[in-house]
Amino acid sequence: MLERIAGGRAEGPFDADSLTEDYELGLRISALGGSGTFVRMRVDGGVDGARGGLVATRAYFPASLDAAVRQKARWITGIALLGWERLGWQGGPAESWMRMRDRRALLSALTLVVGYLTALIATLVLAASAATSRTIEPLTPLLVALLKINAAMLLWRVIVRGIFVARAHGWREGLTSLPRTATANLIAIMATWRALVRYVTMNPAASPRWDKTVHAFPDIKFTP
């Protein structure tokens, strides 16, 4: 499959003009009729739950805010913006749905900003109501139902996140992953803005410039 994608090119199957070459490679494999499989395998070949370390690439996400924003901005630019431009919309409804999910970063960031502003305003209104004699208009039953549904879905997402982190990195990291959700949202908002500015100011005649970050790897000692 990689030979088919390369098509005899000296640089091979990976496109040097892509900011997210692994992501685009997966879509190109699918377009050629190939398929992919997510495999969770242990070192000893056992299935999940067996002894042995997971077969995986271990690398720390950038620890500083600036580096984290630059890293995520590159992903957003490559997938949500340039991916749309370079690969378009192909395949059936299921494929279009998945590509829409991949490219929803701009809408997600806007939703996060509106959500946090709404939470801040609601807090201020409640505080003002508690400090004065003025009452707040009750919420409509529909809005109450929507808030409950969203709260349940958010709780479910946070719990699943914590469980998976704990299984790979221990229960302490699993617990600290819960408050880190807010930090991740802040990074997403800042990265989306950076990605949008970079995309708008790009020179269409030149290759995209990589906003490269340094990867840090844990000191893992393997035993035979």
N, C-alpha and C. Protein backbone atom coordinates (compact mmCIF):
# COMPACT_ATOMS: atom_id res chain seq x y z
N MET A 1 0.83 -1.20 0.00
CA MET A 1 0.00 0.00 0.00
C MET A 1 0.87 1.26 0.00
N LEU A 2 1.94 1.24 0.80
CA LEU A 2 2.84 2.40 0.83
C LEU A 2 3.52 2.59 -0.52
N GLU A 3 3.85 1.51 -1.18
CA GLU A 3 4.45 1.61 -2.52
C GLU A 3 3.47 2.21 -3.52
N ARG A 4 2.20 1.83 -3.40
CA ARG A 4 1.19 2.40 -4.30
C ARG A 4 1.04 3.89 -4.07
N ILE A 5 1.04 4.31 -2.80
CA ILE A 5 0.90 5.74 -2.51
C ILE A 5 2.12 6.52 -2.98
N ALA A 6 3.30 5.91 -2.79
CA ALA A 6 4.53 6.59 -3.22
C ALA A 6 4.53 6.79 -4.73
N GLY A 7 4.04 5.81 -5.48
CA GLY A 7 3.96 5.95 -6.93
C GLY A 7 5.29 6.21 -7.59
N GLY A 8 6.35 5.64 -7.02
CA GLY A 8 7.67 5.83 -7.61
C GLY A 8 8.34 7.13 -7.23
N ARG A 9 7.74 7.91 -6.33
CA ARG A 9 8.35 9.18 -5.92
C ARG A 9 9.59 8.91 -5.08
N ALA A 10 10.61 9.69 -5.28
CA ALA A 10 11.86 9.50 -4.54
C ALA A 10 11.66 9.76 -3.05
N GLU A 11 10.76 10.68 -2.69
CA GLU A 11 10.56 11.02 -1.29
C GLU A 11 9.69 10.00 -0.55
N GLY A 12 9.14 9.01 -1.27
CA GLY A 12 8.36 7.98 -0.63
C GLY A 12 6.90 8.36 -0.44
N PRO A 13 6.17 7.62 0.38
CA PRO A 13 4.72 7.85 0.52
C PRO A 13 4.35 9.07 1.35
N PHE A 14 5.28 9.59 2.14
CA PHE A 14 4.97 10.72 3.01
C PHE A 14 5.14 12.03 2.25
N ASP A 15 4.13 12.88 2.32
CA ASP A 15 4.14 14.16 1.61
C ASP A 15 4.81 15.21 2.47
N ALA A 16 5.93 15.76 1.98
CA ALA A 16 6.69 16.75 2.75
C ALA A 16 5.92 18.06 2.93
N ASP A 17 4.91 18.31 2.10
CA ASP A 17 4.13 19.54 2.22
C ASP A 17 2.99 19.41 3.22
N SER A 18 2.85 18.26 3.84
CA SER A 18 1.77 18.05 4.81
C SER A 18 2.28 18.30 6.22
N LEU A 19 1.46 18.98 7.03
CA LEU A 19 1.80 19.20 8.43
C LEU A 19 1.40 18.02 9.31
N THR A 20 0.51 17.18 8.81
CA THR A 20 0.05 16.00 9.55
C THR A 20 0.09 14.80 8.59
N GLU A 21 1.32 14.40 8.24
CA GLU A 21 1.50 13.40 7.19
C GLU A 21 0.91 12.04 7.57
N ASP A 22 0.97 11.67 8.85
CA ASP A 22 0.42 10.37 9.25
C ASP A 22 -1.10 10.35 9.10
N TYR A 23 -1.75 11.47 9.42
CA TYR A 23 -3.20 11.57 9.28
C TYR A 23 -3.61 11.48 7.81
N GLU A 24 -2.93 12.24 6.95
CA GLU A 24 -3.25 12.20 5.53
C GLU A 24 -2.97 10.83 4.93
N LEU A 25 -1.91 10.19 5.40
CA LEU A 25 -1.57 8.86 4.89
C LEU A 25 -2.71 7.88 5.16
N GLY A 26 -3.30 7.96 6.35
CA GLY A 26 -4.42 7.08 6.66
C GLY A 26 -5.60 7.30 5.74
N LEU A 27 -5.91 8.56 5.42
CA LEU A 27 -7.02 8.85 4.52
C LEU A 27 -6.72 8.39 3.10
N ARG A 28 -5.47 8.51 2.67
CA ARG A 28 -5.10 8.07 1.32
C ARG A 28 -5.16 6.54 1.22
N ILE A 29 -4.79 5.85 2.28
CA ILE A 29 -4.90 4.39 2.28
C ILE A 29 -6.37 3.98 2.14
N SER A 30 -7.24 4.67 2.88
CA SER A 30 -8.67 4.38 2.78
C SER A 30 -9.21 4.65 1.38
N ALA A 31 -8.75 5.76 0.76
CA ALA A 31 -9.22 6.10 -0.58
C ALA A 31 -8.80 5.05 -1.61
N LEU A 32 -7.71 4.34 -1.36
CA LEU A 32 -7.24 3.30 -2.27
C LEU A 32 -7.83 1.93 -1.94
N GLY A 33 -8.77 1.90 -1.02
CA GLY A 33 -9.43 0.65 -0.70
C GLY A 33 -8.82 -0.10 0.47
N GLY A 34 -7.83 0.48 1.12
CA GLY A 34 -7.21 -0.18 2.26
C GLY A 34 -8.00 0.06 3.53
N SER A 35 -7.57 -0.56 4.59
CA SER A 35 -8.25 -0.41 5.88
C SER A 35 -7.22 -0.37 6.99
N GLY A 36 -7.64 0.13 8.13
CA GLY A 36 -6.75 0.22 9.28
C GLY A 36 -7.36 -0.47 10.47
N THR A 37 -6.51 -0.87 11.40
CA THR A 37 -6.97 -1.57 12.60
C THR A 37 -6.26 -1.01 13.82
N PHE A 38 -7.01 -0.69 14.85
CA PHE A 38 -6.43 -0.27 16.12
C PHE A 38 -6.10 -1.53 16.93
N VAL A 39 -4.84 -1.72 17.24
CA VAL A 39 -4.39 -2.91 17.95
C VAL A 39 -3.79 -2.49 19.29
N ARG A 40 -4.33 -3.03 20.37
CA ARG A 40 -3.81 -2.79 21.71
C ARG A 40 -3.08 -4.06 22.13
N MET A 41 -1.76 -4.06 21.96
CA MET A 41 -0.97 -5.26 22.15
C MET A 41 0.09 -5.05 23.22
N ARG A 42 0.36 -6.10 23.96
CA ARG A 42 1.40 -6.09 24.97
C ARG A 42 2.71 -6.60 24.40
N VAL A 43 3.80 -6.33 25.11
CA VAL A 43 5.13 -6.74 24.65
C VAL A 43 5.20 -8.24 24.45
N ASP A 44 4.55 -8.99 25.34
CA ASP A 44 4.61 -10.45 25.24
C ASP A 44 3.57 -11.01 24.28
N GLY A 45 2.88 -10.12 23.56
CA GLY A 45 1.88 -10.58 22.60
C GLY A 45 0.52 -10.83 23.21
N GLY A 46 0.38 -10.63 24.51
CA GLY A 46 -0.89 -10.88 25.15
C GLY A 46 -1.90 -9.79 24.85
N VAL A 47 -3.15 -10.11 25.08
CA VAL A 47 -4.21 -9.13 24.86
C VAL A 47 -4.25 -8.18 26.05
N ASP A 48 -5.10 -7.17 25.96
CA ASP A 48 -5.18 -6.18 27.03
C ASP A 48 -5.56 -6.87 28.34
N GLY A 49 -4.84 -6.51 29.39
CA GLY A 49 -5.06 -7.13 30.68
C GLY A 49 -3.97 -8.12 31.03
N ALA A 50 -3.23 -8.60 30.02
CA ALA A 50 -2.13 -9.52 30.27
C ALA A 50 -0.91 -8.75 30.75
N ARG A 51 0.08 -9.47 31.23
CA ARG A 51 1.30 -8.83 31.72
C ARG A 51 2.14 -8.38 30.54
N GLY A 52 2.99 -7.40 30.79
CA GLY A 52 3.85 -6.86 29.75
C GLY A 52 3.44 -5.47 29.37
N GLY A 53 4.42 -4.64 28.98
CA GLY A 53 4.13 -3.26 28.63
C GLY A 53 3.42 -3.13 27.30
N LEU A 54 2.64 -2.08 27.16
CA LEU A 54 1.95 -1.83 25.90
C LEU A 54 2.94 -1.49 24.80
N VAL A 55 2.66 -1.97 23.60
CA VAL A 55 3.44 -1.58 22.43
C VAL A 55 2.93 -0.22 21.99
N ALA A 56 3.69 0.82 22.25
CA ALA A 56 3.22 2.18 21.98
C ALA A 56 4.40 3.13 21.94
N THR A 57 4.21 4.26 21.29
CA THR A 57 5.20 5.33 21.30
C THR A 57 5.00 6.16 22.55
N ARG A 58 6.02 6.23 23.37
CA ARG A 58 5.93 6.98 24.63
C ARG A 58 6.61 8.33 24.45
N ALA A 59 5.87 9.38 24.59
CA ALA A 59 6.44 10.73 24.51
C ALA A 59 5.57 11.67 25.33
N TYR A 60 6.21 12.60 26.01
CA TYR A 60 5.48 13.59 26.80
C TYR A 60 4.91 14.66 25.89
N PHE A 61 3.68 15.08 26.18
CA PHE A 61 3.15 16.27 25.51
C PHE A 61 3.92 17.47 26.04
N PRO A 62 4.18 18.48 25.19
CA PRO A 62 4.96 19.65 25.65
C PRO A 62 4.47 20.18 26.99
N ALA A 63 5.42 20.44 27.90
CA ALA A 63 5.07 20.81 29.27
C ALA A 63 4.76 22.29 29.43
N SER A 64 5.29 23.15 28.56
CA SER A 64 5.03 24.59 28.68
C SER A 64 3.81 24.97 27.86
N LEU A 65 3.14 26.04 28.26
CA LEU A 65 1.94 26.48 27.56
C LEU A 65 2.25 26.86 26.12
N ASP A 66 3.33 27.59 25.90
CA ASP A 66 3.68 28.02 24.54
C ASP A 66 3.93 26.82 23.63
N ALA A 67 4.71 25.85 24.10
CA ALA A 67 5.01 24.68 23.28
C ALA A 67 3.76 23.84 23.03
N ALA A 68 2.90 23.72 24.04
CA ALA A 68 1.67 22.95 23.88
C ALA A 68 0.75 23.59 22.85
N VAL A 69 0.64 24.91 22.89
CA VAL A 69 -0.21 25.62 21.93
C VAL A 69 0.35 25.47 20.52
N ARG A 70 1.67 25.58 20.37
CA ARG A 70 2.28 25.43 19.04
C ARG A 70 2.08 24.03 18.48
N GLN A 71 2.22 23.02 19.34
CA GLN A 71 2.04 21.64 18.90
C GLN A 71 0.61 21.39 18.44
N LYS A 72 -0.35 21.80 19.24
CA LYS A 72 -1.75 21.56 18.90
C LYS A 72 -2.18 22.42 17.71
N ALA A 73 -1.61 23.63 17.59
CA ALA A 73 -1.94 24.48 16.45
C ALA A 73 -1.50 23.83 15.14
N ARG A 74 -0.37 23.13 15.18
CA ARG A 74 0.09 22.43 13.96
C ARG A 74 -0.89 21.33 13.59
N TRP A 75 -1.38 20.60 14.59
CA TRP A 75 -2.36 19.55 14.29
C TRP A 75 -3.65 20.15 13.72
N ILE A 76 -4.11 21.24 14.32
CA ILE A 76 -5.35 21.86 13.85
C ILE A 76 -5.18 22.39 12.43
N THR A 77 -4.04 23.03 12.17
CA THR A 77 -3.78 23.56 10.83
C THR A 77 -3.74 22.43 9.81
N GLY A 78 -3.03 21.36 10.14
CA GLY A 78 -2.87 20.26 9.19
C GLY A 78 -4.13 19.47 8.96
N ILE A 79 -4.94 19.28 10.00
CA ILE A 79 -6.12 18.43 9.88
C ILE A 79 -7.37 19.24 9.51
N ALA A 80 -7.66 20.27 10.30
CA ALA A 80 -8.93 20.99 10.13
C ALA A 80 -8.92 21.97 8.96
N LEU A 81 -7.75 22.56 8.67
CA LEU A 81 -7.69 23.60 7.64
C LEU A 81 -7.04 23.09 6.36
N LEU A 82 -5.76 22.73 6.42
CA LEU A 82 -5.09 22.24 5.22
C LEU A 82 -5.64 20.88 4.79
N GLY A 83 -6.07 20.06 5.76
CA GLY A 83 -6.66 18.77 5.41
C GLY A 83 -7.91 18.94 4.56
N TRP A 84 -8.74 19.92 4.93
CA TRP A 84 -9.93 20.23 4.14
C TRP A 84 -9.51 20.68 2.74
N GLU A 85 -8.52 21.54 2.68
CA GLU A 85 -8.08 22.10 1.40
C GLU A 85 -7.42 21.05 0.52
N ARG A 86 -6.59 20.18 1.12
CA ARG A 86 -5.81 19.23 0.34
C ARG A 86 -6.60 17.97 -0.03
N LEU A 87 -7.46 17.50 0.85
CA LEU A 87 -8.13 16.22 0.66
C LEU A 87 -9.62 16.34 0.37
N GLY A 88 -10.20 17.48 0.69
CA GLY A 88 -11.61 17.70 0.38
C GLY A 88 -12.52 16.75 1.14
N TRP A 89 -13.65 16.45 0.51
CA TRP A 89 -14.67 15.57 1.11
C TRP A 89 -14.91 14.42 0.14
N GLN A 90 -14.49 13.24 0.54
CA GLN A 90 -14.63 12.06 -0.31
C GLN A 90 -15.30 10.95 0.49
N GLY A 91 -15.79 9.94 -0.25
CA GLY A 91 -16.42 8.81 0.41
C GLY A 91 -17.89 9.04 0.68
N GLY A 92 -18.48 8.10 1.38
CA GLY A 92 -19.90 8.15 1.67
C GLY A 92 -20.23 8.97 2.89
N PRO A 93 -21.46 8.85 3.38
CA PRO A 93 -21.89 9.63 4.55
C PRO A 93 -21.04 9.37 5.79
N ALA A 94 -20.66 8.12 6.04
CA ALA A 94 -19.86 7.80 7.22
C ALA A 94 -18.49 8.47 7.15
N GLU A 95 -17.88 8.44 5.97
CA GLU A 95 -16.57 9.07 5.80
C GLU A 95 -16.67 10.58 5.95
N SER A 96 -17.71 11.17 5.38
CA SER A 96 -17.90 12.62 5.51
C SER A 96 -18.13 13.01 6.96
N TRP A 97 -18.86 12.17 7.71
CA TRP A 97 -19.11 12.44 9.12
C TRP A 97 -17.79 12.44 9.91
N MET A 98 -16.94 11.46 9.64
CA MET A 98 -15.67 11.38 10.35
C MET A 98 -14.78 12.57 10.00
N ARG A 99 -14.75 12.98 8.74
CA ARG A 99 -13.93 14.13 8.35
C ARG A 99 -14.48 15.41 8.98
N MET A 100 -15.80 15.50 9.09
CA MET A 100 -16.39 16.66 9.76
C MET A 100 -15.97 16.70 11.23
N ARG A 101 -15.95 15.53 11.89
CA ARG A 101 -15.50 15.47 13.27
C ARG A 101 -14.04 15.91 13.40
N ASP A 102 -13.22 15.49 12.45
CA ASP A 102 -11.81 15.87 12.48
C ASP A 102 -11.62 17.37 12.27
N ARG A 103 -12.51 18.00 11.54
CA ARG A 103 -12.33 19.39 11.13
C ARG A 103 -13.22 20.36 11.90
N ARG A 104 -13.73 19.92 13.04
CA ARG A 104 -14.65 20.77 13.79
C ARG A 104 -13.93 21.66 14.79
N ALA A 105 -12.60 21.76 14.71
CA ALA A 105 -11.81 22.46 15.73
C ALA A 105 -12.25 23.92 15.88
N LEU A 106 -12.49 24.60 14.77
CA LEU A 106 -12.89 26.01 14.85
C LEU A 106 -14.21 26.16 15.60
N LEU A 107 -15.18 25.32 15.28
CA LEU A 107 -16.48 25.39 15.95
C LEU A 107 -16.34 24.99 17.42
N SER A 108 -15.49 23.99 17.70
CA SER A 108 -15.30 23.55 19.08
C SER A 108 -14.71 24.66 19.93
N ALA A 109 -13.71 25.36 19.39
CA ALA A 109 -13.08 26.44 20.14
C ALA A 109 -14.08 27.56 20.42
N LEU A 110 -14.90 27.91 19.43
CA LEU A 110 -15.92 28.93 19.62
C LEU A 110 -16.93 28.51 20.68
N THR A 111 -17.32 27.23 20.65
CA THR A 111 -18.26 26.71 21.65
C THR A 111 -17.67 26.78 23.05
N LEU A 112 -16.38 26.44 23.18
CA LEU A 112 -15.72 26.50 24.48
C LEU A 112 -15.71 27.93 25.03
N VAL A 113 -15.38 28.89 24.16
CA VAL A 113 -15.33 30.28 24.60
C VAL A 113 -16.72 30.73 25.06
N VAL A 114 -17.74 30.43 24.27
CA VAL A 114 -19.10 30.82 24.64
C VAL A 114 -19.52 30.13 25.94
N GLY A 115 -19.16 28.86 26.08
CA GLY A 115 -19.52 28.12 27.29
C GLY A 115 -18.90 28.70 28.54
N TYR A 116 -17.60 29.01 28.47
CA TYR A 116 -16.93 29.57 29.65
C TYR A 116 -17.45 30.98 29.97
N LEU A 117 -17.71 31.78 28.94
CA LEU A 117 -18.27 33.11 29.18
C LEU A 117 -19.67 33.01 29.80
N THR A 118 -20.47 32.06 29.30
CA THR A 118 -21.80 31.86 29.85
C THR A 118 -21.75 31.44 31.32
N ALA A 119 -20.80 30.53 31.63
CA ALA A 119 -20.65 30.09 33.02
C ALA A 119 -20.23 31.25 33.92
N LEU A 120 -19.35 32.10 33.41
CA LEU A 120 -18.91 33.27 34.19
C LEU A 120 -20.06 34.23 34.43
N ILE A 121 -20.83 34.51 33.37
CA ILE A 121 -21.96 35.44 33.51
C ILE A 121 -23.00 34.87 34.46
N ALA A 122 -23.28 33.57 34.34
CA ALA A 122 -24.27 32.94 35.22
C ALA A 122 -23.82 33.02 36.68
N THR A 123 -22.53 32.82 36.92
CA THR A 123 -22.01 32.91 38.29
C THR A 123 -22.18 34.32 38.84
N LEU A 124 -21.87 35.32 38.01
CA LEU A 124 -22.01 36.70 38.45
C LEU A 124 -23.47 37.06 38.71
N VAL A 125 -24.37 36.56 37.87
CA VAL A 125 -25.79 36.84 38.07
C VAL A 125 -26.30 36.20 39.36
N LEU A 126 -25.88 34.97 39.62
CA LEU A 126 -26.29 34.29 40.85
C LEU A 126 -25.74 35.01 42.08
N ALA A 127 -24.48 35.46 41.98
CA ALA A 127 -23.89 36.19 43.11
C ALA A 127 -24.63 37.51 43.34
N ALA A 128 -24.97 38.21 42.25
CA ALA A 128 -25.70 39.47 42.38
C ALA A 128 -27.09 39.24 42.97
N SER A 129 -27.73 38.14 42.56
CA SER A 129 -29.06 37.83 43.09
C SER A 129 -29.00 37.51 44.57
N ALA A 130 -27.95 36.79 44.97
CA ALA A 130 -27.81 36.43 46.39
C ALA A 130 -27.52 37.65 47.24
N ALA A 131 -26.85 38.66 46.67
CA ALA A 131 -26.49 39.85 47.44
C ALA A 131 -27.59 40.89 47.45
N THR A 132 -28.60 40.72 46.62
CA THR A 132 -29.70 41.68 46.56
C THR A 132 -31.02 40.94 46.73
N SER A 133 -32.08 41.68 46.62
CA SER A 133 -33.41 41.08 46.77
C SER A 133 -34.03 40.70 45.44
N ARG A 134 -33.31 40.91 44.36
CA ARG A 134 -33.86 40.62 43.05
C ARG A 134 -33.82 39.11 42.79
N THR A 135 -34.86 38.60 42.15
CA THR A 135 -34.95 37.18 41.85
C THR A 135 -34.60 36.93 40.38
N ILE A 136 -34.24 35.70 40.08
CA ILE A 136 -33.88 35.32 38.72
C ILE A 136 -35.05 34.57 38.10
N GLU A 137 -35.30 34.86 36.85
CA GLU A 137 -36.35 34.13 36.14
C GLU A 137 -36.01 32.65 36.08
N PRO A 138 -36.94 31.76 36.38
CA PRO A 138 -36.66 30.32 36.33
C PRO A 138 -36.38 29.85 34.90
N LEU A 139 -35.56 28.82 34.79
CA LEU A 139 -35.24 28.27 33.48
C LEU A 139 -36.42 27.48 32.94
N THR A 140 -36.54 27.43 31.65
CA THR A 140 -37.61 26.66 31.02
C THR A 140 -37.33 25.17 31.19
N PRO A 141 -38.37 24.34 31.19
CA PRO A 141 -38.15 22.88 31.31
C PRO A 141 -37.24 22.32 30.23
N LEU A 142 -37.35 22.84 29.02
CA LEU A 142 -36.49 22.36 27.92
C LEU A 142 -35.03 22.66 28.21
N LEU A 143 -34.74 23.88 28.66
CA LEU A 143 -33.36 24.25 28.95
C LEU A 143 -32.81 23.44 30.12
N VAL A 144 -33.63 23.19 31.12
CA VAL A 144 -33.21 22.37 32.26
C VAL A 144 -32.86 20.96 31.79
N ALA A 145 -33.69 20.40 30.90
CA ALA A 145 -33.44 19.06 30.38
C ALA A 145 -32.14 19.01 29.58
N LEU A 146 -31.92 20.04 28.75
CA LEU A 146 -30.70 20.09 27.95
C LEU A 146 -29.46 20.20 28.84
N LEU A 147 -29.54 21.01 29.88
CA LEU A 147 -28.42 21.16 30.80
C LEU A 147 -28.11 19.85 31.52
N LYS A 148 -29.14 19.11 31.90
CA LYS A 148 -28.93 17.83 32.57
C LYS A 148 -28.29 16.82 31.63
N ILE A 149 -28.75 16.78 30.39
CA ILE A 149 -28.19 15.85 29.40
C ILE A 149 -26.72 16.17 29.15
N ASN A 150 -26.42 17.46 28.98
CA ASN A 150 -25.03 17.86 28.73
C ASN A 150 -24.15 17.58 29.94
N ALA A 151 -24.67 17.80 31.14
CA ALA A 151 -23.90 17.52 32.34
C ALA A 151 -23.59 16.03 32.47
N ALA A 152 -24.58 15.19 32.14
CA ALA A 152 -24.37 13.74 32.20
C ALA A 152 -23.33 13.30 31.17
N MET A 153 -23.39 13.86 29.97
CA MET A 153 -22.42 13.50 28.93
C MET A 153 -21.02 13.98 29.29
N LEU A 154 -20.93 15.16 29.89
CA LEU A 154 -19.62 15.68 30.33
C LEU A 154 -19.05 14.79 31.42
N LEU A 155 -19.88 14.40 32.39
CA LEU A 155 -19.42 13.53 33.47
C LEU A 155 -18.93 12.20 32.92
N TRP A 156 -19.67 11.64 31.98
CA TRP A 156 -19.28 10.37 31.36
C TRP A 156 -17.94 10.51 30.65
N ARG A 157 -17.75 11.58 29.91
CA ARG A 157 -16.50 11.81 29.18
C ARG A 157 -15.32 11.93 30.14
N VAL A 158 -15.51 12.67 31.23
CA VAL A 158 -14.42 12.86 32.20
C VAL A 158 -14.07 11.55 32.89
N ILE A 159 -15.08 10.76 33.22
CA ILE A 159 -14.84 9.47 33.89
C ILE A 159 -14.07 8.52 32.96
N VAL A 160 -14.50 8.43 31.71
CA VAL A 160 -13.81 7.56 30.75
C VAL A 160 -12.37 8.01 30.56
N ARG A 161 -12.17 9.31 30.46
CA ARG A 161 -10.81 9.85 30.33
C ARG A 161 -9.94 9.42 31.52
N GLY A 162 -10.48 9.58 32.72
CA GLY A 162 -9.72 9.21 33.91
C GLY A 162 -9.40 7.73 33.96
N ILE A 163 -10.35 6.88 33.57
CA ILE A 163 -10.13 5.44 33.60
C ILE A 163 -9.02 5.03 32.64
N PHE A 164 -9.04 5.56 31.43
CA PHE A 164 -8.03 5.17 30.45
C PHE A 164 -6.65 5.69 30.83
N VAL A 165 -6.59 6.91 31.36
CA VAL A 165 -5.29 7.44 31.80
C VAL A 165 -4.76 6.60 32.96
N ALA A 166 -5.63 6.24 33.89
CA ALA A 166 -5.21 5.44 35.04
C ALA A 166 -4.71 4.07 34.63
N ARG A 167 -5.34 3.47 33.64
CA ARG A 167 -4.91 2.15 33.19
C ARG A 167 -3.53 2.19 32.56
N ALA A 168 -3.17 3.29 31.94
CA ALA A 168 -1.87 3.38 31.27
C ALA A 168 -0.79 3.99 32.15
N HIS A 169 -1.19 4.89 33.09
CA HIS A 169 -0.18 5.66 33.83
C HIS A 169 -0.35 5.63 35.34
N GLY A 170 -1.33 4.89 35.84
CA GLY A 170 -1.53 4.83 37.28
C GLY A 170 -2.68 5.70 37.76
N TRP A 171 -3.17 5.39 38.97
CA TRP A 171 -4.38 6.07 39.46
C TRP A 171 -4.14 7.54 39.78
N ARG A 172 -2.91 7.90 40.18
CA ARG A 172 -2.65 9.33 40.46
C ARG A 172 -2.80 10.17 39.20
N GLU A 173 -2.21 9.69 38.10
CA GLU A 173 -2.35 10.42 36.84
C GLU A 173 -3.80 10.41 36.36
N GLY A 174 -4.50 9.31 36.66
CA GLY A 174 -5.91 9.25 36.28
C GLY A 174 -6.73 10.31 36.97
N LEU A 175 -6.46 10.52 38.28
CA LEU A 175 -7.19 11.54 39.02
C LEU A 175 -6.82 12.94 38.57
N THR A 176 -5.53 13.20 38.35
CA THR A 176 -5.12 14.54 37.93
C THR A 176 -5.53 14.86 36.50
N SER A 177 -5.90 13.83 35.73
CA SER A 177 -6.37 14.10 34.37
C SER A 177 -7.71 14.81 34.37
N LEU A 178 -8.45 14.69 35.48
CA LEU A 178 -9.78 15.31 35.53
C LEU A 178 -9.71 16.83 35.53
N PRO A 179 -8.94 17.47 36.45
CA PRO A 179 -8.84 18.93 36.38
C PRO A 179 -8.05 19.41 35.17
N ARG A 180 -7.20 18.54 34.61
CA ARG A 180 -6.43 18.96 33.43
C ARG A 180 -7.33 19.16 32.21
N THR A 181 -8.58 18.71 32.30
CA THR A 181 -9.50 18.92 31.19
C THR A 181 -9.67 20.41 30.91
N ALA A 182 -9.76 21.22 31.97
CA ALA A 182 -9.90 22.67 31.78
C ALA A 182 -8.65 23.25 31.13
N THR A 183 -7.47 22.76 31.52
CA THR A 183 -6.22 23.22 30.90
C THR A 183 -6.20 22.85 29.42
N ALA A 184 -6.64 21.64 29.11
CA ALA A 184 -6.69 21.21 27.71
C ALA A 184 -7.62 22.10 26.89
N ASN A 185 -8.73 22.51 27.48
CA ASN A 185 -9.67 23.39 26.77
C ASN A 185 -9.03 24.75 26.50
N LEU A 186 -8.29 25.28 27.47
CA LEU A 186 -7.60 26.55 27.27
C LEU A 186 -6.59 26.44 26.14
N ILE A 187 -5.82 25.35 26.12
CA ILE A 187 -4.84 25.14 25.06
C ILE A 187 -5.54 25.04 23.71
N ALA A 188 -6.68 24.35 23.67
CA ALA A 188 -7.42 24.20 22.42
C ALA A 188 -7.89 25.55 21.88
N ILE A 189 -8.37 26.42 22.76
CA ILE A 189 -8.83 27.74 22.33
C ILE A 189 -7.67 28.56 21.77
N MET A 190 -6.56 28.60 22.48
CA MET A 190 -5.40 29.37 22.05
C MET A 190 -4.80 28.79 20.76
N ALA A 191 -4.76 27.45 20.68
CA ALA A 191 -4.18 26.80 19.50
C ALA A 191 -5.03 27.04 18.26
N THR A 192 -6.35 27.03 18.42
CA THR A 192 -7.23 27.27 17.28
C THR A 192 -7.04 28.68 16.74
N TRP A 193 -6.93 29.65 17.62
CA TRP A 193 -6.69 31.02 17.19
C TRP A 193 -5.36 31.13 16.45
N ARG A 194 -4.31 30.50 16.99
CA ARG A 194 -3.00 30.53 16.35
C ARG A 194 -3.04 29.84 14.98
N ALA A 195 -3.74 28.71 14.91
CA ALA A 195 -3.84 27.99 13.65
C ALA A 195 -4.58 28.81 12.60
N LEU A 196 -5.65 29.48 13.00
CA LEU A 196 -6.42 30.28 12.06
C LEU A 196 -5.59 31.45 11.53
N VAL A 197 -4.86 32.13 12.42
CA VAL A 197 -4.02 33.25 11.99
C VAL A 197 -2.93 32.76 11.04
N ARG A 198 -2.29 31.64 11.38
CA ARG A 198 -1.23 31.10 10.52
C ARG A 198 -1.77 30.69 9.16
N TYR A 199 -2.96 30.12 9.14
CA TYR A 199 -3.54 29.67 7.87
C TYR A 199 -3.88 30.85 6.98
N VAL A 200 -4.48 31.89 7.57
CA VAL A 200 -4.87 33.06 6.79
C VAL A 200 -3.65 33.79 6.22
N THR A 201 -2.55 33.80 6.95
CA THR A 201 -1.36 34.52 6.53
C THR A 201 -0.38 33.65 5.74
N MET A 202 -0.74 32.40 5.45
CA MET A 202 0.15 31.52 4.69
C MET A 202 0.32 31.99 3.26
N ASN A 203 1.51 31.77 2.73
CA ASN A 203 1.77 32.03 1.32
C ASN A 203 1.34 30.80 0.53
N PRO A 204 0.29 30.89 -0.28
CA PRO A 204 -0.20 29.70 -0.99
C PRO A 204 0.80 29.14 -1.98
N ALA A 205 1.78 29.93 -2.38
CA ALA A 205 2.77 29.45 -3.35
C ALA A 205 3.93 28.73 -2.68
N ALA A 206 4.02 28.79 -1.38
CA ALA A 206 5.13 28.17 -0.65
C ALA A 206 4.64 26.99 0.16
N SER A 207 5.56 26.11 0.52
CA SER A 207 5.22 24.96 1.35
C SER A 207 4.92 25.43 2.77
N PRO A 208 3.97 24.80 3.45
CA PRO A 208 3.67 25.18 4.84
C PRO A 208 4.90 25.01 5.72
N ARG A 209 5.07 25.94 6.64
CA ARG A 209 6.22 25.88 7.56
C ARG A 209 5.83 25.14 8.82
N TRP A 210 6.65 24.16 9.17
CA TRP A 210 6.40 23.38 10.38
C TRP A 210 6.67 24.22 11.61
N ASP A 211 5.72 24.24 12.52
CA ASP A 211 5.90 24.90 13.81
C ASP A 211 6.37 23.82 14.79
N LYS A 212 7.63 23.41 14.62
CA LYS A 212 8.14 22.22 15.28
C LYS A 212 8.35 22.44 16.76
N THR A 213 8.02 21.41 17.54
CA THR A 213 8.27 21.40 18.98
C THR A 213 9.18 20.22 19.31
N VAL A 214 9.92 20.35 20.38
CA VAL A 214 10.85 19.31 20.79
C VAL A 214 10.10 18.24 21.59
N HIS A 215 10.30 16.99 21.21
CA HIS A 215 9.64 15.90 21.91
C HIS A 215 10.53 15.40 23.05
N ALA A 216 9.93 15.18 24.21
CA ALA A 216 10.64 14.64 25.36
C ALA A 216 10.13 13.24 25.63
N PHE A 217 11.05 12.31 25.81
CA PHE A 217 10.67 10.92 26.00
C PHE A 217 11.03 10.46 27.41
N PRO A 218 10.17 9.66 28.02
CA PRO A 218 10.46 9.18 29.38
C PRO A 218 11.64 8.23 29.37
N ASP A 219 12.31 8.16 30.49
CA ASP A 219 13.46 7.29 30.64
C ASP A 219 12.96 5.91 31.04
N ILE A 220 12.67 5.09 30.03
CA ILE A 220 12.12 3.75 30.26
C ILE A 220 13.22 2.73 30.00
N LYS A 221 13.46 1.89 30.94
CA LYS A 221 14.48 0.85 30.80
C LYS A 221 13.78 -0.47 30.50
N PHE A 222 14.12 -1.05 29.37
CA PHE A 222 13.52 -2.31 28.97
C PHE A 222 14.42 -3.47 29.40
N THR A 223 13.80 -4.54 29.82
CA THR A 223 14.54 -5.74 30.17
C THR A 223 14.22 -6.84 29.18
N PRO A 224 15.21 -7.67 28.82
CA PRO A 224 14.95 -8.71 27.83
C PRO A 224 13.98 -9.76 28.36
